[in-house]
Amino acid sequence: MFLNAGNMDLMKTDYANNKAFFDDLKAFKEGHLYTQPFFNFNGTNIDTGICDTYFIGAIIYPDKFADVDLDAKYSEIYTTLLGVDFYQTMKNAGMGFTTLSFS
């Protein structure tokens, strides 16, 4: 399950209020929870959408992405499209691509 990093406060509140529901979901039971930055905010941020796609691909097909340094790839994408390595700024603000746990 991929969750929007920008809505984590809402998700944590929803989880606290509906713990039994969420804990019964297969993704929660098996620890398949991930967060990624949102790519639609005051317009579509194509750079983040491309990074999201790499992240999802690496989670679903780890063998196909085993040779990809994802942090380097995200930095490359942002630098190419924005002229700066915005990924480091996002990562420092807690908007990275990570595994989640609600327990």
PDB file of N, CA and C in Angstrom:
ATOM      1  N   MET A   1       0.854  -1.148   0.000  1.00  0.00           N
ATOM      2  CA  MET A   1       0.000   0.000   0.000  1.00  0.00           C
ATOM      3  C   MET A   1       0.910   1.224   0.000  1.00  0.00           C
ATOM      4  N   PHE A   2       0.689   2.105  -0.951  1.00  0.00           N
ATOM      5  CA  PHE A   2       1.468   3.331  -1.070  1.00  0.00           C
ATOM      6  C   PHE A   2       0.625   4.496  -0.561  1.00  0.00           C
ATOM      7  N   LEU A   3       1.172   5.221   0.398  1.00  0.00           N
ATOM      8  CA  LEU A   3       0.449   6.321   1.029  1.00  0.00           C
ATOM      9  C   LEU A   3       1.129   7.649   0.740  1.00  0.00           C
ATOM     10  N   ASN A   4       0.337   8.678   0.678  1.00  0.00           N
ATOM     11  CA  ASN A   4       0.802  10.025   0.382  1.00  0.00           C
ATOM     12  C   ASN A   4       1.522  10.614   1.591  1.00  0.00           C
ATOM     13  N   ALA A   5       2.779  10.959   1.423  1.00  0.00           N
ATOM     14  CA  ALA A   5       3.576  11.523   2.525  1.00  0.00           C
ATOM     15  C   ALA A   5       2.995  12.844   3.030  1.00  0.00           C
ATOM     16  N   GLY A   6       2.316  13.564   2.166  1.00  0.00           N
ATOM     17  CA  GLY A   6       1.749  14.854   2.556  1.00  0.00           C
ATOM     18  C   GLY A   6       0.539  14.745   3.475  1.00  0.00           C
ATOM     19  N   ASN A   7      -0.027  13.558   3.581  1.00  0.00           N
ATOM     20  CA  ASN A   7      -1.218  13.364   4.414  1.00  0.00           C
ATOM     21  C   ASN A   7      -0.963  12.450   5.604  1.00  0.00           C
ATOM     22  N   MET A   8       0.273  12.294   6.015  1.00  0.00           N
ATOM     23  CA  MET A   8       0.587  11.360   7.098  1.00  0.00           C
ATOM     24  C   MET A   8      -0.095  11.721   8.412  1.00  0.00           C
ATOM     25  N   ASP A   9      -0.238  12.993   8.713  1.00  0.00           N
ATOM     26  CA  ASP A   9      -0.943  13.372   9.947  1.00  0.00           C
ATOM     27  C   ASP A   9      -2.382  12.870   9.924  1.00  0.00           C
ATOM     28  N   LEU A  10      -3.046  13.022   8.778  1.00  0.00           N
ATOM     29  CA  LEU A  10      -4.422  12.532   8.642  1.00  0.00           C
ATOM     30  C   LEU A  10      -4.469  11.009   8.718  1.00  0.00           C
ATOM     31  N   MET A  11      -3.509  10.366   8.105  1.00  0.00           N
ATOM     32  CA  MET A  11      -3.476   8.901   8.124  1.00  0.00           C
ATOM     33  C   MET A  11      -3.236   8.378   9.533  1.00  0.00           C
ATOM     34  N   LYS A  12      -2.349   9.007  10.269  1.00  0.00           N
ATOM     35  CA  LYS A  12      -2.079   8.580  11.650  1.00  0.00           C
ATOM     36  C   LYS A  12      -3.316   8.760  12.527  1.00  0.00           C
ATOM     37  N   THR A  13      -4.040   9.836  12.323  1.00  0.00           N
ATOM     38  CA  THR A  13      -5.273  10.065  13.073  1.00  0.00           C
ATOM     39  C   THR A  13      -6.325   9.022  12.699  1.00  0.00           C
ATOM     40  N   ASP A  14      -6.465   8.776  11.398  1.00  0.00           N
ATOM     41  CA  ASP A  14      -7.430   7.785  10.933  1.00  0.00           C
ATOM     42  C   ASP A  14      -7.070   6.404  11.468  1.00  0.00           C
ATOM     43  N   TYR A  15      -5.783   6.082  11.474  1.00  0.00           N
ATOM     44  CA  TYR A  15      -5.348   4.795  12.008  1.00  0.00           C
ATOM     45  C   TYR A  15      -5.685   4.684  13.496  1.00  0.00           C
ATOM     46  N   ALA A  16      -5.403   5.729  14.255  1.00  0.00           N
ATOM     47  CA  ALA A  16      -5.683   5.715  15.696  1.00  0.00           C
ATOM     48  C   ALA A  16      -7.175   5.528  15.968  1.00  0.00           C
ATOM     49  N   ASN A  17      -8.027   6.092  15.113  1.00  0.00           N
ATOM     50  CA  ASN A  17      -9.473   6.001  15.288  1.00  0.00           C
ATOM     51  C   ASN A  17     -10.086   4.722  14.724  1.00  0.00           C
ATOM     52  N   ASN A  18      -9.329   4.004  13.872  1.00  0.00           N
ATOM     53  CA  ASN A  18      -9.858   2.808  13.207  1.00  0.00           C
ATOM     54  C   ASN A  18      -8.821   1.684  13.189  1.00  0.00           C
ATOM     55  N   LYS A  19      -8.118   1.522  14.284  1.00  0.00           N
ATOM     56  CA  LYS A  19      -7.001   0.585  14.357  1.00  0.00           C
ATOM     57  C   LYS A  19      -7.398  -0.837  13.938  1.00  0.00           C
ATOM     58  N   ALA A  20      -8.504  -1.339  14.406  1.00  0.00           N
ATOM     59  CA  ALA A  20      -8.932  -2.707  14.075  1.00  0.00           C
ATOM     60  C   ALA A  20      -9.129  -2.870  12.567  1.00  0.00           C
ATOM     61  N   PHE A  21      -9.728  -1.880  11.939  1.00  0.00           N
ATOM     62  CA  PHE A  21      -9.940  -1.938  10.488  1.00  0.00           C
ATOM     63  C   PHE A  21      -8.605  -2.035   9.753  1.00  0.00           C
ATOM     64  N   PHE A  22      -7.696  -1.107  10.060  1.00  0.00           N
ATOM     65  CA  PHE A  22      -6.415  -1.080   9.355  1.00  0.00           C
ATOM     66  C   PHE A  22      -5.564  -2.312   9.664  1.00  0.00           C
ATOM     67  N   ASP A  23      -5.541  -2.726  10.916  1.00  0.00           N
ATOM     68  CA  ASP A  23      -4.734  -3.883  11.290  1.00  0.00           C
ATOM     69  C   ASP A  23      -5.219  -5.173  10.626  1.00  0.00           C
ATOM     70  N   ASP A  24      -6.440  -5.173  10.127  1.00  0.00           N
ATOM     71  CA  ASP A  24      -6.983  -6.345   9.443  1.00  0.00           C
ATOM     72  C   ASP A  24      -6.621  -6.365   7.952  1.00  0.00           C
ATOM     73  N   LEU A  25      -6.111  -5.267   7.428  1.00  0.00           N
ATOM     74  CA  LEU A  25      -5.721  -5.211   6.021  1.00  0.00           C
ATOM     75  C   LEU A  25      -4.414  -5.979   5.799  1.00  0.00           C
ATOM     76  N   LYS A  26      -4.351  -6.696   4.721  1.00  0.00           N
ATOM     77  CA  LYS A  26      -3.180  -7.524   4.409  1.00  0.00           C
ATOM     78  C   LYS A  26      -1.887  -6.693   4.392  1.00  0.00           C
ATOM     79  N   ALA A  27      -1.917  -5.517   3.805  1.00  0.00           N
ATOM     80  CA  ALA A  27      -0.711  -4.677   3.724  1.00  0.00           C
ATOM     81  C   ALA A  27      -0.199  -4.298   5.115  1.00  0.00           C
ATOM     82  N   PHE A  28      -1.107  -4.033   6.042  1.00  0.00           N
ATOM     83  CA  PHE A  28      -0.713  -3.706   7.411  1.00  0.00           C
ATOM     84  C   PHE A  28      -0.187  -4.940   8.123  1.00  0.00           C
ATOM     85  N   LYS A  29      -0.856  -6.073   7.939  1.00  0.00           N
ATOM     86  CA  LYS A  29      -0.433  -7.320   8.582  1.00  0.00           C
ATOM     87  C   LYS A  29       0.957  -7.753   8.135  1.00  0.00           C
ATOM     88  N   GLU A  30       1.228  -7.593   6.847  1.00  0.00           N
ATOM     89  CA  GLU A  30       2.481  -8.094   6.292  1.00  0.00           C
ATOM     90  C   GLU A  30       3.587  -7.035   6.201  1.00  0.00           C
ATOM     91  N   GLY A  31       3.282  -5.817   6.643  1.00  0.00           N
ATOM     92  CA  GLY A  31       4.293  -4.766   6.627  1.00  0.00           C
ATOM     93  C   GLY A  31       4.624  -4.230   5.247  1.00  0.00           C
ATOM     94  N   HIS A  32       3.639  -4.229   4.362  1.00  0.00           N
ATOM     95  CA  HIS A  32       3.834  -3.712   3.012  1.00  0.00           C
ATOM     96  C   HIS A  32       3.231  -2.308   2.909  1.00  0.00           C
ATOM     97  N   LEU A  33       3.777  -1.404   3.710  1.00  0.00           N
ATOM     98  CA  LEU A  33       3.316  -0.014   3.732  1.00  0.00           C
ATOM     99  C   LEU A  33       4.464   0.896   3.335  1.00  0.00           C
ATOM    100  N   TYR A  34       4.174   1.796   2.412  1.00  0.00           N
ATOM    101  CA  TYR A  34       5.211   2.678   1.899  1.00  0.00           C
ATOM    102  C   TYR A  34       4.647   4.089   1.773  1.00  0.00           C
ATOM    103  N   THR A  35       5.528   5.050   1.891  1.00  0.00           N
ATOM    104  CA  THR A  35       5.124   6.430   1.693  1.00  0.00           C
ATOM    105  C   THR A  35       5.986   7.049   0.608  1.00  0.00           C
ATOM    106  N   GLN A  36       5.367   7.903  -0.147  1.00  0.00           N
ATOM    107  CA  GLN A  36       6.057   8.614  -1.216  1.00  0.00           C
ATOM    108  C   GLN A  36       5.470  10.014  -1.336  1.00  0.00           C
ATOM    109  N   PRO A  37       6.266  10.945  -1.835  1.00  0.00           N
ATOM    110  CA  PRO A  37       5.752  12.316  -1.992  1.00  0.00           C
ATOM    111  C   PRO A  37       4.625  12.370  -3.021  1.00  0.00           C
ATOM    112  N   PHE A  38       3.713  13.278  -2.812  1.00  0.00           N
ATOM    113  CA  PHE A  38       2.630  13.487  -3.767  1.00  0.00           C
ATOM    114  C   PHE A  38       3.167  14.300  -4.943  1.00  0.00           C
ATOM    115  N   PHE A  39       2.594  14.089  -6.124  1.00  0.00           N
ATOM    116  CA  PHE A  39       3.088  14.812  -7.294  1.00  0.00           C
ATOM    117  C   PHE A  39       2.084  15.820  -7.852  1.00  0.00           C
ATOM    118  N   ASN A  40       0.918  15.922  -7.244  1.00  0.00           N
ATOM    119  CA  ASN A  40      -0.059  16.942  -7.641  1.00  0.00           C
ATOM    120  C   ASN A  40      -0.250  17.910  -6.486  1.00  0.00           C
ATOM    121  N   PHE A  41       0.253  19.107  -6.654  1.00  0.00           N
ATOM    122  CA  PHE A  41       0.112  20.156  -5.655  1.00  0.00           C
ATOM    123  C   PHE A  41       0.293  21.472  -6.393  1.00  0.00           C
ATOM    124  N   ASN A  42      -0.785  22.214  -6.529  1.00  0.00           N
ATOM    125  CA  ASN A  42      -0.755  23.443  -7.331  1.00  0.00           C
ATOM    126  C   ASN A  42      -0.266  23.162  -8.745  1.00  0.00           C
ATOM    127  N   GLY A  43      -0.617  22.018  -9.261  1.00  0.00           N
ATOM    128  CA  GLY A  43      -0.184  21.586 -10.585  1.00  0.00           C
ATOM    129  C   GLY A  43       0.487  20.232 -10.470  1.00  0.00           C
ATOM    130  N   THR A  44       0.819  19.671 -11.613  1.00  0.00           N
ATOM    131  CA  THR A  44       1.466  18.362 -11.625  1.00  0.00           C
ATOM    132  C   THR A  44       2.974  18.540 -11.645  1.00  0.00           C
ATOM    133  N   ASN A  45       3.627  17.914 -10.691  1.00  0.00           N
ATOM    134  CA  ASN A  45       5.090  17.936 -10.611  1.00  0.00           C
ATOM    135  C   ASN A  45       5.595  16.659 -11.265  1.00  0.00           C
ATOM    136  N   ILE A  46       5.892  16.752 -12.546  1.00  0.00           N
ATOM    137  CA  ILE A  46       6.287  15.590 -13.325  1.00  0.00           C
ATOM    138  C   ILE A  46       7.529  14.937 -12.742  1.00  0.00           C
ATOM    139  N   ASP A  47       8.440  15.739 -12.224  1.00  0.00           N
ATOM    140  CA  ASP A  47       9.670  15.201 -11.632  1.00  0.00           C
ATOM    141  C   ASP A  47       9.353  14.225 -10.500  1.00  0.00           C
ATOM    142  N   THR A  48       8.458  14.604  -9.620  1.00  0.00           N
ATOM    143  CA  THR A  48       8.088  13.729  -8.502  1.00  0.00           C
ATOM    144  C   THR A  48       7.310  12.523  -9.002  1.00  0.00           C
ATOM    145  N   GLY A  49       6.476  12.693  -9.998  1.00  0.00           N
ATOM    146  CA  GLY A  49       5.756  11.569 -10.583  1.00  0.00           C
ATOM    147  C   GLY A  49       6.704  10.522 -11.144  1.00  0.00           C
ATOM    148  N   ILE A  50       7.770  10.954 -11.792  1.00  0.00           N
ATOM    149  CA  ILE A  50       8.761  10.016 -12.328  1.00  0.00           C
ATOM    150  C   ILE A  50       9.463   9.295 -11.182  1.00  0.00           C
ATOM    151  N   CYS A  51       9.833  10.044 -10.137  1.00  0.00           N
ATOM    152  CA  CYS A  51      10.479   9.432  -8.969  1.00  0.00           C
ATOM    153  C   CYS A  51       9.540   8.434  -8.294  1.00  0.00           C
ATOM    154  N   ASP A  52       8.258   8.800  -8.166  1.00  0.00           N
ATOM    155  CA  ASP A  52       7.266   7.886  -7.588  1.00  0.00           C
ATOM    156  C   ASP A  52       7.223   6.574  -8.374  1.00  0.00           C
ATOM    157  N   THR A  53       7.301   6.677  -9.687  1.00  0.00           N
ATOM    158  CA  THR A  53       7.243   5.499 -10.537  1.00  0.00           C
ATOM    159  C   THR A  53       8.459   4.594 -10.319  1.00  0.00           C
ATOM    160  N   TYR A  54       9.639   5.194 -10.197  1.00  0.00           N
ATOM    161  CA  TYR A  54      10.837   4.400  -9.886  1.00  0.00           C
ATOM    162  C   TYR A  54      10.669   3.688  -8.546  1.00  0.00           C
ATOM    163  N   PHE A  55      10.158   4.409  -7.546  1.00  0.00           N
ATOM    164  CA  PHE A  55       9.986   3.830  -6.209  1.00  0.00           C
ATOM    165  C   PHE A  55       9.014   2.645  -6.252  1.00  0.00           C
ATOM    166  N   ILE A  56       7.869   2.838  -6.882  1.00  0.00           N
ATOM    167  CA  ILE A  56       6.879   1.771  -6.978  1.00  0.00           C
ATOM    168  C   ILE A  56       7.465   0.580  -7.734  1.00  0.00           C
ATOM    169  N   GLY A  57       8.152   0.848  -8.819  1.00  0.00           N
ATOM    170  CA  GLY A  57       8.781  -0.233  -9.582  1.00  0.00           C
ATOM    171  C   GLY A  57       9.762  -1.021  -8.742  1.00  0.00           C
ATOM    172  N   ALA A  58      10.568  -0.315  -7.949  1.00  0.00           N
ATOM    173  CA  ALA A  58      11.572  -0.981  -7.110  1.00  0.00           C
ATOM    174  C   ALA A  58      10.930  -1.820  -6.010  1.00  0.00           C
ATOM    175  N   ILE A  59       9.775  -1.404  -5.524  1.00  0.00           N
ATOM    176  CA  ILE A  59       9.069  -2.172  -4.490  1.00  0.00           C
ATOM    177  C   ILE A  59       8.424  -3.415  -5.102  1.00  0.00           C
ATOM    178  N   ILE A  60       7.758  -3.244  -6.227  1.00  0.00           N
ATOM    179  CA  ILE A  60       7.026  -4.343  -6.846  1.00  0.00           C
ATOM    180  C   ILE A  60       7.961  -5.320  -7.577  1.00  0.00           C
ATOM    181  N   TYR A  61       9.006  -4.794  -8.205  1.00  0.00           N
ATOM    182  CA  TYR A  61       9.954  -5.613  -8.973  1.00  0.00           C
ATOM    183  C   TYR A  61      11.385  -5.375  -8.489  1.00  0.00           C
ATOM    184  N   PRO A  62      11.701  -5.765  -7.263  1.00  0.00           N
ATOM    185  CA  PRO A  62      13.026  -5.466  -6.717  1.00  0.00           C
ATOM    186  C   PRO A  62      14.183  -6.021  -7.550  1.00  0.00           C
ATOM    187  N   ASP A  63      13.988  -7.167  -8.180  1.00  0.00           N
ATOM    188  CA  ASP A  63      15.061  -7.744  -8.997  1.00  0.00           C
ATOM    189  C   ASP A  63      15.351  -6.903 -10.236  1.00  0.00           C
ATOM    190  N   LYS A  64      14.336  -6.269 -10.789  1.00  0.00           N
ATOM    191  CA  LYS A  64      14.511  -5.436 -11.991  1.00  0.00           C
ATOM    192  C   LYS A  64      15.201  -4.106 -11.673  1.00  0.00           C
ATOM    193  N   PHE A  65      15.157  -3.696 -10.408  1.00  0.00           N
ATOM    194  CA  PHE A  65      15.738  -2.414 -10.009  1.00  0.00           C
ATOM    195  C   PHE A  65      16.942  -2.589  -9.083  1.00  0.00           C
ATOM    196  N   ALA A  66      17.437  -3.817  -8.970  1.00  0.00           N
ATOM    197  CA  ALA A  66      18.529  -4.104  -8.044  1.00  0.00           C
ATOM    198  C   ALA A  66      19.783  -3.290  -8.341  1.00  0.00           C
ATOM    199  N   ASP A  67      19.988  -2.933  -9.595  1.00  0.00           N
ATOM    200  CA  ASP A  67      21.189  -2.188  -9.967  1.00  0.00           C
ATOM    201  C   ASP A  67      20.977  -0.669  -9.962  1.00  0.00           C
ATOM    202  N   VAL A  68      19.820  -0.215  -9.509  1.00  0.00           N
ATOM    203  CA  VAL A  68      19.510   1.214  -9.500  1.00  0.00           C
ATOM    204  C   VAL A  68      19.699   1.780  -8.093  1.00  0.00           C
ATOM    205  N   ASP A  69      20.540   2.781  -7.967  1.00  0.00           N
ATOM    206  CA  ASP A  69      20.682   3.527  -6.704  1.00  0.00           C
ATOM    207  C   ASP A  69      19.569   4.562  -6.706  1.00  0.00           C
ATOM    208  N   LEU A  70      18.495   4.270  -5.986  1.00  0.00           N
ATOM    209  CA  LEU A  70      17.300   5.113  -6.056  1.00  0.00           C
ATOM    210  C   LEU A  70      17.565   6.542  -5.607  1.00  0.00           C
ATOM    211  N   ASP A  71      18.290   6.747  -4.511  1.00  0.00           N
ATOM    212  CA  ASP A  71      18.577   8.117  -4.075  1.00  0.00           C
ATOM    213  C   ASP A  71      19.315   8.896  -5.164  1.00  0.00           C
ATOM    214  N   ALA A  72      20.283   8.256  -5.797  1.00  0.00           N
ATOM    215  CA  ALA A  72      21.022   8.908  -6.884  1.00  0.00           C
ATOM    216  C   ALA A  72      20.104   9.192  -8.069  1.00  0.00           C
ATOM    217  N   LYS A  73      19.195   8.257  -8.356  1.00  0.00           N
ATOM    218  CA  LYS A  73      18.263   8.435  -9.470  1.00  0.00           C
ATOM    219  C   LYS A  73      17.311   9.596  -9.202  1.00  0.00           C
ATOM    220  N   TYR A  74      16.790   9.678  -7.966  1.00  0.00           N
ATOM    221  CA  TYR A  74      15.898  10.798  -7.626  1.00  0.00           C
ATOM    222  C   TYR A  74      16.640  12.121  -7.762  1.00  0.00           C
ATOM    223  N   SER A  75      17.859  12.164  -7.265  1.00  0.00           N
ATOM    224  CA  SER A  75      18.661  13.386  -7.366  1.00  0.00           C
ATOM    225  C   SER A  75      18.908  13.754  -8.826  1.00  0.00           C
ATOM    226  N   GLU A  76      19.192  12.754  -9.640  1.00  0.00           N
ATOM    227  CA  GLU A  76      19.422  12.986 -11.071  1.00  0.00           C
ATOM    228  C   GLU A  76      18.167  13.549 -11.741  1.00  0.00           C
ATOM    229  N   ILE A  77      17.027  12.990 -11.435  1.00  0.00           N
ATOM    230  CA  ILE A  77      15.770  13.446 -12.042  1.00  0.00           C
ATOM    231  C   ILE A  77      15.480  14.888 -11.649  1.00  0.00           C
ATOM    232  N   TYR A  78      15.570  15.205 -10.364  1.00  0.00           N
ATOM    233  CA  TYR A  78      15.298  16.581  -9.935  1.00  0.00           C
ATOM    234  C   TYR A  78      16.308  17.557 -10.511  1.00  0.00           C
ATOM    235  N   THR A  79      17.567  17.174 -10.518  1.00  0.00           N
ATOM    236  CA  THR A  79      18.601  18.069 -11.049  1.00  0.00           C
ATOM    237  C   THR A  79      18.385  18.308 -12.541  1.00  0.00           C
ATOM    238  N   THR A  80      18.039  17.260 -13.280  1.00  0.00           N
ATOM    239  CA  THR A  80      17.802  17.395 -14.715  1.00  0.00           C
ATOM    240  C   THR A  80      16.597  18.281 -15.001  1.00  0.00           C
ATOM    241  N   LEU A  81      15.509  18.077 -14.275  1.00  0.00           N
ATOM    242  CA  LEU A  81      14.272  18.804 -14.569  1.00  0.00           C
ATOM    243  C   LEU A  81      14.164  20.167 -13.877  1.00  0.00           C
ATOM    244  N   LEU A  82      14.806  20.317 -12.711  1.00  0.00           N
ATOM    245  CA  LEU A  82      14.680  21.575 -11.961  1.00  0.00           C
ATOM    246  C   LEU A  82      15.969  22.399 -11.913  1.00  0.00           C
ATOM    247  N   GLY A  83      17.065  21.763 -12.238  1.00  0.00           N
ATOM    248  CA  GLY A  83      18.341  22.467 -12.181  1.00  0.00           C
ATOM    249  C   GLY A  83      18.997  22.433 -10.812  1.00  0.00           C
ATOM    250  N   VAL A  84      18.326  21.827  -9.841  1.00  0.00           N
ATOM    251  CA  VAL A  84      18.877  21.668  -8.485  1.00  0.00           C
ATOM    252  C   VAL A  84      18.454  20.303  -7.947  1.00  0.00           C
ATOM    253  N   ASP A  85      19.217  19.813  -6.979  1.00  0.00           N
ATOM    254  CA  ASP A  85      18.899  18.521  -6.369  1.00  0.00           C
ATOM    255  C   ASP A  85      17.841  18.729  -5.286  1.00  0.00           C
ATOM    256  N   PHE A  86      16.597  18.893  -5.703  1.00  0.00           N
ATOM    257  CA  PHE A  86      15.505  19.159  -4.774  1.00  0.00           C
ATOM    258  C   PHE A  86      15.182  17.948  -3.902  1.00  0.00           C
ATOM    259  N   TYR A  87      15.629  16.766  -4.310  1.00  0.00           N
ATOM    260  CA  TYR A  87      15.345  15.562  -3.523  1.00  0.00           C
ATOM    261  C   TYR A  87      15.916  15.671  -2.124  1.00  0.00           C
ATOM    262  N   GLN A  88      17.105  16.204  -1.983  1.00  0.00           N
ATOM    263  CA  GLN A  88      17.704  16.336  -0.656  1.00  0.00           C
ATOM    264  C   GLN A  88      16.861  17.249   0.233  1.00  0.00           C
ATOM    265  N   THR A  89      16.312  18.302  -0.333  1.00  0.00           N
ATOM    266  CA  THR A  89      15.422  19.203   0.414  1.00  0.00           C
ATOM    267  C   THR A  89      14.172  18.467   0.853  1.00  0.00           C
ATOM    268  N   MET A  90      13.586  17.709  -0.053  1.00  0.00           N
ATOM    269  CA  MET A  90      12.383  16.944   0.271  1.00  0.00           C
ATOM    270  C   MET A  90      12.674  15.905   1.345  1.00  0.00           C
ATOM    271  N   LYS A  91      13.766  15.184   1.169  1.00  0.00           N
ATOM    272  CA  LYS A  91      14.139  14.138   2.115  1.00  0.00           C
ATOM    273  C   LYS A  91      14.354  14.724   3.515  1.00  0.00           C
ATOM    274  N   ASN A  92      15.013  15.848   3.595  1.00  0.00           N
ATOM    275  CA  ASN A  92      15.260  16.509   4.882  1.00  0.00           C
ATOM    276  C   ASN A  92      13.969  16.983   5.536  1.00  0.00           C
ATOM    277  N   ALA A  93      12.941  17.239   4.725  1.00  0.00           N
ATOM    278  CA  ALA A  93      11.639  17.679   5.238  1.00  0.00           C
ATOM    279  C   ALA A  93      10.716  16.498   5.533  1.00  0.00           C
ATOM    280  N   GLY A  94      11.234  15.269   5.434  1.00  0.00           N
ATOM    281  CA  GLY A  94      10.410  14.088   5.720  1.00  0.00           C
ATOM    282  C   GLY A  94       9.532  13.652   4.572  1.00  0.00           C
ATOM    283  N   MET A  95       9.840  14.096   3.366  1.00  0.00           N
ATOM    284  CA  MET A  95       9.033  13.753   2.190  1.00  0.00           C
ATOM    285  C   MET A  95       9.784  12.791   1.275  1.00  0.00           C
ATOM    286  N   GLY A  96      10.425  11.783   1.872  1.00  0.00           N
ATOM    287  CA  GLY A  96      11.175  10.825   1.086  1.00  0.00           C
ATOM    288  C   GLY A  96      10.337   9.634   0.682  1.00  0.00           C
ATOM    289  N   PHE A  97      10.999   8.659   0.142  1.00  0.00           N
ATOM    290  CA  PHE A  97      10.394   7.408  -0.302  1.00  0.00           C
ATOM    291  C   PHE A  97      10.817   6.353   0.695  1.00  0.00           C
ATOM    292  N   THR A  98       9.897   5.898   1.556  1.00  0.00           N
ATOM    293  CA  THR A  98      10.289   5.027   2.651  1.00  0.00           C
ATOM    294  C   THR A  98       9.245   3.954   2.950  1.00  0.00           C
ATOM    295  N   THR A  99       9.669   3.010   3.781  1.00  0.00           N
ATOM    296  CA  THR A  99       8.779   1.996   4.332  1.00  0.00           C
ATOM    297  C   THR A  99       8.155   2.575   5.598  1.00  0.00           C
ATOM    298  N   LEU A 100       6.899   2.266   5.829  1.00  0.00           N
ATOM    299  CA  LEU A 100       6.162   2.787   6.983  1.00  0.00           C
ATOM    300  C   LEU A 100       5.828   1.693   7.988  1.00  0.00           C
ATOM    301  N   SER A 101       5.566   2.136   9.186  1.00  0.00           N
ATOM    302  CA  SER A 101       5.021   1.238  10.214  1.00  0.00           C
ATOM    303  C   SER A 101       4.105   2.060  11.105  1.00  0.00           C
ATOM    304  N   PHE A 102       2.950   1.519  11.419  1.00  0.00           N
ATOM    305  CA  PHE A 102       2.015   2.205  12.299  1.00  0.00           C
ATOM    306  C   PHE A 102       1.975   1.579  13.679  1.00  0.00           C
ATOM    307  N   SER A 103       2.769   0.559  13.919  1.00  0.00           N
ATOM    308  CA  SER A 103       2.744  -0.104  15.227  1.00  0.00           C
ATOM    309  C   SER A 103       3.726   0.532  16.191  1.00  0.00           C
TER     310      SER A 103
END
